[in-house]
């Protein structure tokens, strides 16, 4: 009887670990980040016309047929200036979550985003 109890508890423990690890993996997929530059991003024309970086990036990605569930611009914790050239990083990070992970992953990576 004690052996049966041990096996039932052991099975429940293993099942719990598998379920929690599987849930965590699916939550993390589809998140990407982009290091915003001073003025060398693909969506800069929209930013110059008065849009925010976040809005301009979203409009650009929609034009590219990449569907986004979430977009957020993260500003650096303190003043950040690597250099003033267009291709230098601004310190800002653009985070997105893809709506259709497998369909848009290749396209988003080709635009300079990287997985989180």
C-alpha atoms as a PDB file:
ATOM      1  CA  UNK A   1       0.000   0.000   0.000  1.00  0.00           C
ATOM      2  CA  UNK A   2       2.851   2.392   0.770  1.00  0.00           C
ATOM      3  CA  UNK A   3       4.363   1.676  -2.655  1.00  0.00           C
ATOM      4  CA  UNK A   4       1.110   2.624  -4.337  1.00  0.00           C
ATOM      5  CA  UNK A   5       0.968   5.911  -2.422  1.00  0.00           C
ATOM      6  CA  UNK A   6       4.553   6.672  -3.398  1.00  0.00           C
ATOM      7  CA  UNK A   7       3.898   6.029  -7.098  1.00  0.00           C
ATOM      8  CA  UNK A   8       0.704   8.111  -7.108  1.00  0.00           C
ATOM      9  CA  UNK A   9       2.466  11.056  -5.450  1.00  0.00           C
ATOM     10  CA  UNK A  10       5.487  10.683  -7.726  1.00  0.00           C
ATOM     11  CA  UNK A  11       3.242  10.626 -10.818  1.00  0.00           C
ATOM     12  CA  UNK A  12       1.325  13.716  -9.606  1.00  0.00           C
ATOM     13  CA  UNK A  13       4.623  15.539  -8.980  1.00  0.00           C
ATOM     14  CA  UNK A  14       5.987  14.741 -12.458  1.00  0.00           C
ATOM     15  CA  UNK A  15       2.686  15.688 -14.103  1.00  0.00           C
ATOM     16  CA  UNK A  16       2.655  19.034 -12.270  1.00  0.00           C
ATOM     17  CA  UNK A  17       6.193  19.846 -13.400  1.00  0.00           C
ATOM     18  CA  UNK A  18       5.383  18.997 -17.017  1.00  0.00           C
ATOM     19  CA  UNK A  19       2.200  21.086 -17.037  1.00  0.00           C
ATOM     20  CA  UNK A  20       3.819  24.168 -15.478  1.00  0.00           C
ATOM     21  CA  UNK A  21       6.853  24.047 -17.739  1.00  0.00           C
ATOM     22  CA  UNK A  22       4.651  23.682 -20.826  1.00  0.00           C
ATOM     23  CA  UNK A  23       2.558  26.702 -19.814  1.00  0.00           C
ATOM     24  CA  UNK A  24       5.607  28.893 -19.333  1.00  0.00           C
ATOM     25  CA  UNK A  25       7.013  28.048 -22.774  1.00  0.00           C
ATOM     26  CA  UNK A  26       3.815  28.962 -24.623  1.00  0.00           C
ATOM     27  CA  UNK A  27       3.542  32.308 -22.814  1.00  0.00           C
ATOM     28  CA  UNK A  28       7.019  33.402 -23.854  1.00  0.00           C
ATOM     29  CA  UNK A  29       6.689  32.672 -27.575  1.00  0.00           C
ATOM     30  CA  UNK A  30       5.883  35.489 -29.931  1.00  0.00           C
ATOM     31  CA  UNK A  31       7.641  38.289 -27.994  1.00  0.00           C
ATOM     32  CA  UNK A  32      10.247  40.336 -29.876  1.00  0.00           C
ATOM     33  CA  UNK A  33      12.282  43.449 -29.231  1.00  0.00           C
ATOM     34  CA  UNK A  34      13.888  46.071 -31.457  1.00  0.00           C
ATOM     35  CA  UNK A  35      16.666  48.487 -30.494  1.00  0.00           C
ATOM     36  CA  UNK A  36      15.452  51.847 -31.760  1.00  0.00           C
ATOM     37  CA  UNK A  37      18.069  53.982 -33.520  1.00  0.00           C
ATOM     38  CA  UNK A  38      18.441  57.774 -33.649  1.00  0.00           C
ATOM     39  CA  UNK A  39      16.825  57.973 -37.108  1.00  0.00           C
ATOM     40  CA  UNK A  40      17.630  54.844 -39.133  1.00  0.00           C
ATOM     41  CA  UNK A  41      14.496  52.776 -38.451  1.00  0.00           C
ATOM     42  CA  UNK A  42      12.268  51.539 -41.258  1.00  0.00           C
ATOM     43  CA  UNK A  43       9.331  53.644 -40.015  1.00  0.00           C
ATOM     44  CA  UNK A  44      11.145  57.005 -39.657  1.00  0.00           C
ATOM     45  CA  UNK A  45       9.146  58.721 -42.400  1.00  0.00           C
ATOM     46  CA  UNK A  46       6.011  58.341 -40.284  1.00  0.00           C
ATOM     47  CA  UNK A  47       7.799  59.615 -37.155  1.00  0.00           C
ATOM     48  CA  UNK A  48       8.968  62.760 -38.970  1.00  0.00           C
ATOM     49  CA  UNK A  49       5.373  63.512 -39.964  1.00  0.00           C
ATOM     50  CA  UNK A  50       4.394  63.801 -36.288  1.00  0.00           C
ATOM     51  CA  UNK A  51       3.603  60.265 -35.123  1.00  0.00           C
ATOM     52  CA  UNK A  52       5.155  58.707 -32.074  1.00  0.00           C
ATOM     53  CA  UNK A  53       7.683  55.919 -32.588  1.00  0.00           C
ATOM     54  CA  UNK A  54       5.178  53.393 -31.284  1.00  0.00           C
ATOM     55  CA  UNK A  55       2.374  54.531 -33.604  1.00  0.00           C
ATOM     56  CA  UNK A  56       4.677  54.815 -36.615  1.00  0.00           C
ATOM     57  CA  UNK A  57       6.120  51.340 -36.010  1.00  0.00           C
ATOM     58  CA  UNK A  58       2.639  49.868 -35.664  1.00  0.00           C
ATOM     59  CA  UNK A  59       1.511  51.505 -38.920  1.00  0.00           C
ATOM     60  CA  UNK A  60       4.642  50.241 -40.685  1.00  0.00           C
ATOM     61  CA  UNK A  61       4.179  46.673 -39.404  1.00  0.00           C
ATOM     62  CA  UNK A  62       0.524  46.749 -40.488  1.00  0.00           C
ATOM     63  CA  UNK A  63       1.643  47.816 -43.978  1.00  0.00           C
ATOM     64  CA  UNK A  64       4.042  44.857 -43.962  1.00  0.00           C
ATOM     65  CA  UNK A  65       1.054  42.589 -43.103  1.00  0.00           C
ATOM     66  CA  UNK A  66       2.526  41.684 -39.705  1.00  0.00           C
ATOM     67  CA  UNK A  67      -0.213  41.493 -37.092  1.00  0.00           C
ATOM     68  CA  UNK A  68       0.650  42.662 -33.586  1.00  0.00           C
ATOM     69  CA  UNK A  69      -1.231  41.943 -30.341  1.00  0.00           C
ATOM     70  CA  UNK A  70       0.881  44.217 -28.146  1.00  0.00           C
ATOM     71  CA  UNK A  71       3.393  47.010 -28.696  1.00  0.00           C
ATOM     72  CA  UNK A  72       5.298  49.000 -26.082  1.00  0.00           C
ATOM     73  CA  UNK A  73       8.118  51.527 -26.222  1.00  0.00           C
ATOM     74  CA  UNK A  74      10.551  51.230 -23.328  1.00  0.00           C
ATOM     75  CA  UNK A  75      12.628  54.308 -22.634  1.00  0.00           C
ATOM     76  CA  UNK A  76      16.096  54.015 -21.079  1.00  0.00           C
ATOM     77  CA  UNK A  77      16.222  54.409 -17.285  1.00  0.00           C
ATOM     78  CA  UNK A  78      18.520  57.433 -17.605  1.00  0.00           C
ATOM     79  CA  UNK A  79      19.753  59.727 -20.363  1.00  0.00           C
ATOM     80  CA  UNK A  80      21.329  57.556 -23.027  1.00  0.00           C
ATOM     81  CA  UNK A  81      23.450  58.835 -25.896  1.00  0.00           C
ATOM     82  CA  UNK A  82      25.778  56.466 -27.698  1.00  0.00           C
ATOM     83  CA  UNK A  83      26.308  58.905 -30.552  1.00  0.00           C
ATOM     84  CA  UNK A  84      24.280  61.274 -32.681  1.00  0.00           C
ATOM     85  CA  UNK A  85      24.545  59.392 -35.998  1.00  0.00           C
ATOM     86  CA  UNK A  86      21.354  57.983 -37.514  1.00  0.00           C
ATOM     87  CA  UNK A  87      22.351  54.339 -37.080  1.00  0.00           C
ATOM     88  CA  UNK A  88      23.380  54.742 -33.412  1.00  0.00           C
ATOM     89  CA  UNK A  89      21.041  53.313 -30.778  1.00  0.00           C
ATOM     90  CA  UNK A  90      18.748  55.770 -29.007  1.00  0.00           C
ATOM     91  CA  UNK A  91      18.481  53.593 -25.901  1.00  0.00           C
ATOM     92  CA  UNK A  92      14.797  52.966 -26.487  1.00  0.00           C
ATOM     93  CA  UNK A  93      13.460  49.439 -26.985  1.00  0.00           C
ATOM     94  CA  UNK A  94      10.334  48.553 -28.906  1.00  0.00           C
ATOM     95  CA  UNK A  95       8.664  45.364 -27.642  1.00  0.00           C
ATOM     96  CA  UNK A  96       5.965  43.568 -29.589  1.00  0.00           C
ATOM     97  CA  UNK A  97       3.934  40.392 -29.328  1.00  0.00           C
ATOM     98  CA  UNK A  98       3.015  38.774 -32.610  1.00  0.00           C
ATOM     99  CA  UNK A  99      -0.567  37.682 -33.191  1.00  0.00           C
ATOM    100  CA  UNK A 100       0.412  34.834 -35.535  1.00  0.00           C
ATOM    101  CA  UNK A 101       3.749  33.585 -34.258  1.00  0.00           C
ATOM    102  CA  UNK A 102       4.809  31.105 -36.910  1.00  0.00           C
ATOM    103  CA  UNK A 103       3.609  33.141 -39.883  1.00  0.00           C
ATOM    104  CA  UNK A 104       5.285  36.431 -38.958  1.00  0.00           C
ATOM    105  CA  UNK A 105       8.462  35.319 -37.141  1.00  0.00           C
ATOM    106  CA  UNK A 106      10.682  35.277 -40.230  1.00  0.00           C
ATOM    107  CA  UNK A 107       9.437  38.667 -41.385  1.00  0.00           C
ATOM    108  CA  UNK A 108       9.895  40.332 -38.004  1.00  0.00           C
ATOM    109  CA  UNK A 109      13.445  38.994 -37.591  1.00  0.00           C
ATOM    110  CA  UNK A 110      14.298  40.253 -41.098  1.00  0.00           C
ATOM    111  CA  UNK A 111      13.259  43.750 -39.922  1.00  0.00           C
ATOM    112  CA  UNK A 112      15.824  43.679 -37.089  1.00  0.00           C
ATOM    113  CA  UNK A 113      13.723  42.407 -34.197  1.00  0.00           C
ATOM    114  CA  UNK A 114      15.038  39.648 -31.951  1.00  0.00           C
ATOM    115  CA  UNK A 115      13.259  37.170 -29.692  1.00  0.00           C
ATOM    116  CA  UNK A 116      12.906  37.724 -25.975  1.00  0.00           C
END
